[in-house]
């Protein structure tokens, strides 16, 4: 059933909210799509520097809080006002609590146990970070809305922004968001991002990520092609699959160019300190900034007393030591990748498409790590 957006569109017009895109809804799925012609997209929405303004929202049309708990309370207040709320036509389109059930915080213990069995406790560890915050909130619906729909503003406040919250996520392409003149939120995209994309959604554009709060993707099949009705996405951030699953309740359908995965490495020399936690980054590398401290700890544990003499405490100790360290890592990584593969099979057998996607992405990233190790240290295989 198609969603009737007419009241919301009228409300947006009254609030001064504008976009050249088309809002489309089929069932619970909402999306922003390209208009029938390129001229409609460009129209009055192109800035002097060639950026396309895809969303413009006055800040007084947003719900803004100095922090996330304040934003939760403000949202609850407006919802309690019902039809008397200034935001009523917009709030009527917010997801129901039932529609948030894909967030792990709402899962039953059996489903959580399935994931824990095959991902080494990665998702559970991420959920533990938010456990106290979630338990302290007396309105799980409002908190889920804020966690999944809010954006950060340049003045270090948080906002739930009308129309922006109708975009779906794709991490492949990025653009920038800013507040113009101190009172108008603007999401802008380079024309190249729209008309010059490769269309495969697997290549991240270059640019300074610190200047790119949001991202944008248009799936054209060839450079320069305009596809009326094609969905337009924003990037919620450079999030891995654990983050999108935890706070948004989804895992990307296609490979996540920002995905990283963690796994545990155990050694007899670690007695009492617990296993080392290592990260396979989004390029498949294990020798990355995330792992600096863990790798140094493993090097010291596996070093001989002679090798430690004169060692400054960081970086490679010796070639022998380096090979031994990465041989240990390779064994643990192979086991983690195998567990992820078994997780895919188990989720598939239970017809759990979401958990299956989570494990497929984990398996893909861990196997990238194994490929990196084979290229870097072929002698350990």
Protein backbone atom coordinates (compact mmCIF):
# COMPACT_ATOMS: atom_id res chain seq x y z
CA UNK A 1 0.00 0.00 0.00
CA UNK A 2 1.33 3.40 -0.97
CA UNK A 3 1.73 5.97 1.78
CA UNK A 4 -0.21 9.23 1.48
CA UNK A 5 2.42 11.92 1.90
CA UNK A 6 0.12 14.83 0.95
CA UNK A 7 -0.36 16.14 4.53
CA UNK A 8 3.38 15.91 5.16
CA UNK A 9 4.23 17.67 1.89
CA UNK A 10 1.79 20.47 2.69
CA UNK A 11 3.34 20.80 6.13
CA UNK A 12 6.84 20.93 4.60
CA UNK A 13 5.74 23.70 2.23
CA UNK A 14 4.33 25.68 5.15
CA UNK A 15 7.58 25.24 7.10
CA UNK A 16 9.78 26.32 4.18
CA UNK A 17 11.27 22.82 3.69
CA UNK A 18 12.29 22.15 0.10
CA UNK A 19 13.77 19.38 -2.02
CA UNK A 20 13.81 18.73 -5.78
CA UNK A 21 13.53 15.00 -5.06
CA UNK A 22 10.39 12.86 -4.84
CA UNK A 23 9.34 11.14 -1.61
CA UNK A 24 7.95 7.68 -2.31
CA UNK A 25 6.51 5.15 0.12
CA UNK A 26 5.53 1.52 -0.40
CA UNK A 27 4.45 -0.17 2.82
CA UNK A 28 6.99 0.68 5.51
CA UNK A 29 9.75 1.50 2.99
CA UNK A 30 10.24 5.21 2.30
CA UNK A 31 12.75 6.57 -0.19
CA UNK A 32 13.87 9.76 -1.90
CA UNK A 33 14.00 9.54 -5.70
CA UNK A 34 15.14 11.57 -8.68
CA UNK A 35 12.47 13.71 -10.40
CA UNK A 36 11.34 13.01 -13.98
CA UNK A 37 13.85 15.37 -15.57
CA UNK A 38 17.38 16.54 -14.90
CA UNK A 39 16.17 20.12 -15.24
CA UNK A 40 13.81 19.63 -12.29
CA UNK A 41 16.69 18.37 -10.18
CA UNK A 42 18.97 21.24 -11.07
CA UNK A 43 16.38 24.05 -11.31
CA UNK A 44 16.91 26.58 -8.54
CA UNK A 45 18.80 24.09 -6.40
CA UNK A 46 22.31 24.66 -7.75
CA UNK A 47 24.67 26.85 -5.77
CA UNK A 48 27.29 29.11 -7.44
CA UNK A 49 30.01 26.53 -6.77
CA UNK A 50 28.11 23.84 -8.64
CA UNK A 51 26.68 21.91 -5.68
CA UNK A 52 23.12 20.63 -5.91
CA UNK A 53 21.02 21.51 -2.87
CA UNK A 54 18.98 18.37 -2.33
CA UNK A 55 17.42 19.30 1.03
CA UNK A 56 16.88 22.69 2.68
CA UNK A 57 15.27 22.82 6.12
CA UNK A 58 14.87 25.82 8.45
CA UNK A 59 16.26 24.87 11.86
CA UNK A 60 13.03 25.98 13.53
CA UNK A 61 11.29 23.15 11.66
CA UNK A 62 13.61 20.60 13.31
CA UNK A 63 13.46 19.04 16.75
CA UNK A 64 16.79 20.00 18.34
CA UNK A 65 18.42 19.04 21.64
CA UNK A 66 21.76 19.83 23.23
CA UNK A 67 22.34 16.09 23.66
CA UNK A 68 20.58 12.83 22.83
CA UNK A 69 18.70 12.47 26.16
CA UNK A 70 17.32 16.00 25.72
CA UNK A 71 16.27 15.14 22.17
CA UNK A 72 14.43 12.07 23.47
CA UNK A 73 12.50 14.20 25.98
CA UNK A 74 11.62 16.81 23.35
CA UNK A 75 10.34 14.12 20.99
CA UNK A 76 8.23 12.57 23.76
CA UNK A 77 6.79 16.00 24.59
CA UNK A 78 5.73 16.63 21.00
CA UNK A 79 4.22 13.17 20.61
CA UNK A 80 2.22 13.60 23.83
CA UNK A 81 0.67 16.77 22.38
CA UNK A 82 -0.89 14.70 19.60
CA UNK A 83 -2.58 16.73 16.86
CA UNK A 84 -1.77 19.93 18.77
CA UNK A 85 1.93 19.46 18.06
CA UNK A 86 3.47 21.71 15.45
CA UNK A 87 5.12 18.57 14.06
CA UNK A 88 2.01 16.33 13.94
CA UNK A 89 1.93 15.70 10.12
CA UNK A 90 5.60 14.69 10.26
CA UNK A 91 5.42 12.66 13.48
CA UNK A 92 2.55 10.61 12.03
CA UNK A 93 5.07 9.12 9.58
CA UNK A 94 7.57 7.98 12.22
CA UNK A 95 8.09 4.20 12.50
CA UNK A 96 6.09 2.30 15.09
CA UNK A 97 7.78 0.38 17.90
CA UNK A 98 7.02 -2.81 15.98
CA UNK A 99 8.97 -1.47 12.99
CA UNK A 100 12.05 -1.11 15.19
CA UNK A 101 12.16 -4.80 16.10
CA UNK A 102 15.17 -5.43 13.84
CA UNK A 103 17.30 -3.47 16.31
CA UNK A 104 19.18 -6.03 18.46
CA UNK A 105 18.04 -4.25 21.65
CA UNK A 106 14.57 -5.68 20.93
CA UNK A 107 15.67 -9.22 19.97
CA UNK A 108 14.74 -12.27 21.98
CA UNK A 109 17.56 -14.10 23.84
CA UNK A 110 17.53 -17.02 21.39
CA UNK A 111 18.39 -14.76 18.45
CA UNK A 112 21.13 -13.03 20.42
CA UNK A 113 22.56 -16.41 21.43
CA UNK A 114 22.72 -17.44 17.77
CA UNK A 115 24.81 -14.40 16.90
CA UNK A 116 27.03 -14.72 19.98
CA UNK A 117 27.82 -18.33 19.10
CA UNK A 118 29.29 -17.44 15.71
CA UNK A 119 30.61 -13.85 15.93
CA UNK A 120 32.87 -14.18 18.96
CA UNK A 121 30.72 -11.84 21.03
CA UNK A 122 31.28 -8.84 18.74
CA UNK A 123 27.64 -7.69 18.60
CA UNK A 124 27.14 -8.34 22.30
CA UNK A 125 30.17 -6.18 23.10
CA UNK A 126 28.78 -3.32 21.00
CA UNK A 127 25.40 -3.59 22.71
CA UNK A 128 27.04 -3.50 26.15
CA UNK A 129 28.29 0.02 25.37
CA UNK A 130 24.68 1.26 25.16
CA UNK A 131 23.14 -0.98 27.80
CA UNK A 132 23.08 1.55 30.64
CA UNK A 133 21.81 4.35 28.41
CA UNK A 134 19.01 2.16 27.05
CA UNK A 135 18.02 0.83 30.47
CA UNK A 136 17.76 4.36 31.87
CA UNK A 137 15.28 5.48 29.20
CA UNK A 138 11.61 4.86 29.98
CA UNK A 139 10.48 5.20 26.36
CA UNK A 140 12.20 2.65 24.09
CA UNK A 141 10.31 3.94 21.04
CA UNK A 142 11.50 7.54 21.46
CA UNK A 143 15.08 6.41 22.06
CA UNK A 144 15.01 4.19 18.97
CA UNK A 145 13.74 7.14 16.92
CA UNK A 146 16.52 9.40 18.17
CA UNK A 147 19.24 6.77 17.72
CA UNK A 148 18.19 5.98 14.16
CA UNK A 149 17.00 9.37 12.86
CA UNK A 150 19.05 12.12 14.49
CA UNK A 151 21.96 14.00 12.93
CA UNK A 152 24.76 16.10 14.38
CA UNK A 153 24.80 19.86 13.84
CA UNK A 154 27.90 22.07 13.59
CA UNK A 155 27.18 23.75 16.95
CA UNK A 156 27.48 20.32 18.61
CA UNK A 157 23.75 19.88 19.12
CA UNK A 158 21.57 17.09 17.75
CA UNK A 159 18.60 17.33 15.42
CA UNK A 160 15.84 15.20 13.99
CA UNK A 161 15.46 16.86 10.61
CA UNK A 162 12.28 16.64 8.50
CA UNK A 163 12.81 15.17 5.02
CA UNK A 164 16.42 14.23 5.79
CA UNK A 165 15.04 11.34 7.85
CA UNK A 166 13.36 9.92 4.73
CA UNK A 167 16.69 9.05 3.05
CA UNK A 168 18.08 5.54 3.24
CA UNK A 169 21.76 4.75 3.81
CA UNK A 170 24.55 3.94 1.39
CA UNK A 171 28.14 4.42 2.53
CA UNK A 172 29.65 4.45 -0.95
CA UNK A 173 29.43 8.15 -1.77
CA UNK A 174 29.77 11.23 0.38
CA UNK A 175 28.80 14.87 0.29
CA UNK A 176 28.48 17.63 2.86
CA UNK A 177 25.85 19.14 5.11
CA UNK A 178 25.99 22.59 6.61
CA UNK A 179 23.93 25.24 8.35
CA UNK A 180 23.60 28.28 6.10
CA UNK A 181 23.40 31.66 7.80
CA UNK A 182 22.98 30.01 11.16
CA UNK A 183 19.34 29.09 10.62
CA UNK A 184 18.96 26.76 7.64
CA UNK A 185 20.14 23.17 7.32
CA UNK A 186 21.36 22.31 3.83
CA UNK A 187 22.39 19.00 2.30
CA UNK A 188 24.41 19.47 -0.87
CA UNK A 189 25.86 17.14 -3.49
CA UNK A 190 28.38 17.64 -6.25
CA UNK A 191 26.99 17.20 -9.74
CA UNK A 192 29.71 14.64 -10.37
CA UNK A 193 28.28 12.47 -7.60
CA UNK A 194 24.90 12.41 -9.34
CA UNK A 195 25.84 12.30 -13.00
CA UNK A 196 29.33 10.84 -12.91
CA UNK A 197 29.00 7.89 -10.53
CA UNK A 198 30.21 4.48 -11.58
CA UNK A 199 26.92 3.02 -10.47
CA UNK A 200 28.39 -0.04 -8.77
CA UNK A 201 28.14 1.50 -5.32
CA UNK A 202 31.38 -0.12 -4.24
CA UNK A 203 33.84 2.72 -4.76
CA UNK A 204 34.26 5.40 -2.15
CA UNK A 205 34.88 8.89 -3.43
CA UNK A 206 37.84 10.85 -2.17
CA UNK A 207 37.59 13.91 0.02
CA UNK A 208 38.10 15.19 3.52
CA UNK A 209 35.77 13.10 5.71
CA UNK A 210 35.92 15.75 8.48
CA UNK A 211 34.06 18.09 6.12
CA UNK A 212 31.58 15.44 5.04
CA UNK A 213 28.89 14.93 7.64
CA UNK A 214 26.59 13.09 5.30
CA UNK A 215 27.03 11.14 2.08
CA UNK A 216 25.04 10.72 -1.06
CA UNK A 217 24.63 8.05 -3.70
CA UNK A 218 22.88 7.89 -7.02
CA UNK A 219 22.87 4.54 -8.79
CA UNK A 220 23.29 5.44 -12.45
CA UNK A 221 24.29 2.58 -14.73
CA UNK A 222 26.86 4.63 -16.64
CA UNK A 223 28.60 8.00 -16.19
CA UNK A 224 26.39 10.90 -17.23
CA UNK A 225 23.18 8.90 -17.43
CA UNK A 226 20.10 10.35 -15.75
CA UNK A 227 17.62 7.83 -14.40
CA UNK A 228 14.25 9.30 -13.37
CA UNK A 229 12.94 7.63 -10.24
CA UNK A 230 16.33 6.23 -9.17
CA UNK A 231 16.69 6.18 -5.41
CA UNK A 232 18.96 8.73 -3.78
CA UNK A 233 20.77 7.78 -0.57
CA UNK A 234 22.73 9.53 2.14
CA UNK A 235 25.54 8.07 4.18
CA UNK A 236 24.71 8.12 7.86
CA UNK A 237 28.46 7.97 8.45
CA UNK A 238 31.42 5.67 7.91
CA UNK A 239 29.69 2.90 9.87
CA UNK A 240 30.52 -0.78 9.97
CA UNK A 241 27.81 -3.44 9.93
CA UNK A 242 27.75 -3.77 13.71
CA UNK A 243 26.92 -0.08 14.01
CA UNK A 244 24.19 -0.05 11.36
CA UNK A 245 22.66 -3.18 12.87
CA UNK A 246 22.83 -1.91 16.46
CA UNK A 247 21.44 1.59 15.99
CA UNK A 248 19.48 1.30 12.74
CA UNK A 249 18.39 -2.33 12.54
CA UNK A 250 19.81 -3.17 9.12
CA UNK A 251 22.85 -4.55 7.31
CA UNK A 252 23.57 -3.25 3.81
CA UNK A 253 22.45 -5.46 0.96
CA UNK A 254 25.72 -4.96 -0.91
CA UNK A 255 29.27 -5.01 0.47
CA UNK A 256 29.80 -2.22 3.00
CA UNK A 257 32.88 -0.24 1.94
CA UNK A 258 33.24 0.97 5.54
CA UNK A 259 32.98 -2.42 7.21
CA UNK A 260 35.51 -3.60 9.77
CA UNK A 261 35.36 -6.79 11.83
CA UNK A 262 37.00 -7.78 15.08
CA UNK A 263 38.27 -11.19 16.18
CA UNK A 264 40.08 -12.57 19.21
CA UNK A 265 43.65 -13.85 19.37
CA UNK A 266 44.67 -16.09 22.26
CA UNK A 267 48.15 -17.09 23.40
CA UNK A 268 49.47 -18.99 26.40
CA UNK A 269 51.46 -15.93 27.36
CA UNK A 270 48.25 -13.97 27.87
CA UNK A 271 47.17 -15.78 31.03
CA UNK A 272 45.17 -13.39 33.18
CA UNK A 273 45.00 -10.60 30.61
CA UNK A 274 42.42 -12.14 28.29
CA UNK A 275 42.64 -12.46 24.50
CA UNK A 276 43.86 -9.66 22.26
CA UNK A 277 41.15 -8.04 20.13
CA UNK A 278 42.23 -7.38 16.54
CA UNK A 279 40.45 -5.58 13.72
CA UNK A 280 40.35 -6.40 10.01
CA UNK A 281 39.85 -2.98 8.44
CA UNK A 282 37.76 -2.13 5.40
CA UNK A 283 40.73 -2.81 3.07
CA UNK A 284 41.45 -6.20 4.62
CA UNK A 285 44.56 -5.12 6.49
CA UNK A 286 45.40 -6.47 9.94
CA UNK A 287 48.47 -4.25 10.37
CA UNK A 288 46.47 -1.06 10.94
CA UNK A 289 46.11 1.75 13.48
CA UNK A 290 43.29 -0.06 15.29
CA UNK A 291 45.68 -2.89 16.13
CA UNK A 292 48.84 -1.00 17.13
CA UNK A 293 48.66 -1.78 20.84
CA UNK A 294 47.42 -5.36 20.41
CA UNK A 295 50.15 -6.18 17.88
CA UNK A 296 52.83 -4.73 20.15
CA UNK A 297 51.52 -6.84 23.04
CA UNK A 298 51.62 -10.01 20.92
CA UNK A 299 55.13 -9.21 19.70
CA UNK A 300 56.39 -8.90 23.27
CA UNK A 301 54.68 -12.11 24.39
CA UNK A 302 56.23 -14.11 21.55
CA UNK A 303 59.68 -12.48 21.64
CA UNK A 304 62.76 -14.12 23.09
CA UNK A 305 64.66 -12.43 25.90
CA UNK A 306 67.46 -11.66 23.46
CA UNK A 307 65.03 -10.00 21.04
CA UNK A 308 63.63 -7.80 23.78
CA UNK A 309 67.04 -6.36 24.63
CA UNK A 310 67.12 -2.84 23.29
CA UNK A 311 63.53 -3.02 22.02
CA UNK A 312 61.84 0.39 22.27
CA UNK A 313 58.40 -1.11 22.98
CA UNK A 314 56.64 -0.43 19.69
CA UNK A 315 56.75 -1.86 16.18
CA UNK A 316 58.52 -4.82 14.63
CA UNK A 317 61.03 -6.67 16.83
CA UNK A 318 62.51 -9.12 14.35
CA UNK A 319 61.48 -10.97 11.21
CA UNK A 320 61.31 -14.26 13.13
CA UNK A 321 59.05 -12.68 15.73
CA UNK A 322 56.90 -11.00 13.11
CA UNK A 323 56.26 -14.28 11.30
CA UNK A 324 55.38 -16.03 14.56
CA UNK A 325 52.96 -13.26 15.55
CA UNK A 326 51.15 -13.30 12.23
CA UNK A 327 51.10 -17.10 12.12
CA UNK A 328 49.20 -17.01 15.41
CA UNK A 329 46.89 -14.33 14.03
CA UNK A 330 46.27 -16.31 10.83
CA UNK A 331 45.11 -19.35 12.77
CA UNK A 332 42.65 -17.36 14.86
CA UNK A 333 41.42 -15.41 11.84
CA UNK A 334 40.79 -18.61 9.89
CA UNK A 335 38.71 -19.90 12.80
CA UNK A 336 36.72 -16.65 13.01
CA UNK A 337 36.02 -16.71 9.26
CA UNK A 338 34.89 -20.34 9.50
CA UNK A 339 32.57 -19.47 12.40
CA UNK A 340 31.07 -16.64 10.34
CA UNK A 341 30.48 -19.08 7.48
CA UNK A 342 28.72 -21.44 9.91
CA UNK A 343 26.69 -18.47 11.14
CA UNK A 344 25.50 -17.84 7.59
CA UNK A 345 24.39 -21.45 7.27
CA UNK A 346 22.62 -21.47 10.64
CA UNK A 347 20.81 -18.18 9.99
CA UNK A 348 19.82 -19.45 6.55
CA UNK A 349 18.38 -22.63 8.07
CA UNK A 350 16.29 -20.47 10.43
CA UNK A 351 15.13 -18.15 7.61
CA UNK A 352 16.67 -15.19 9.42
CA UNK A 353 17.64 -12.93 6.52
CA UNK A 354 18.95 -10.09 8.69
CA UNK A 355 21.32 -12.25 10.74
CA UNK A 356 22.38 -14.04 7.56
CA UNK A 357 23.39 -10.71 5.99
CA UNK A 358 25.29 -9.79 9.14
CA UNK A 359 27.31 -13.01 8.99
CA UNK A 360 27.86 -12.79 5.22
CA UNK A 361 29.38 -9.33 5.62
CA UNK A 362 31.49 -10.55 8.53
CA UNK A 363 32.69 -13.56 6.53
CA UNK A 364 33.51 -11.35 3.51
CA UNK A 365 35.59 -8.92 5.58
CA UNK A 366 37.43 -11.62 7.55
CA UNK A 367 38.29 -13.43 4.31
CA UNK A 368 39.71 -10.15 3.00
CA UNK A 369 41.95 -10.24 6.06
CA UNK A 370 43.07 -13.77 5.24
CA UNK A 371 43.85 -12.71 1.68
CA UNK A 372 45.94 -9.82 3.01
CA UNK A 373 47.83 -12.20 5.31
CA UNK A 374 48.52 -14.65 2.47
CA UNK A 375 50.01 -11.86 0.40
CA UNK A 376 52.01 -10.40 3.28
CA UNK A 377 53.11 -13.61 5.03
CA UNK A 378 52.72 -16.55 2.60
CA UNK A 379 55.05 -18.62 4.78
CA UNK A 380 52.49 -18.88 7.59
CA UNK A 381 49.99 -20.81 5.43
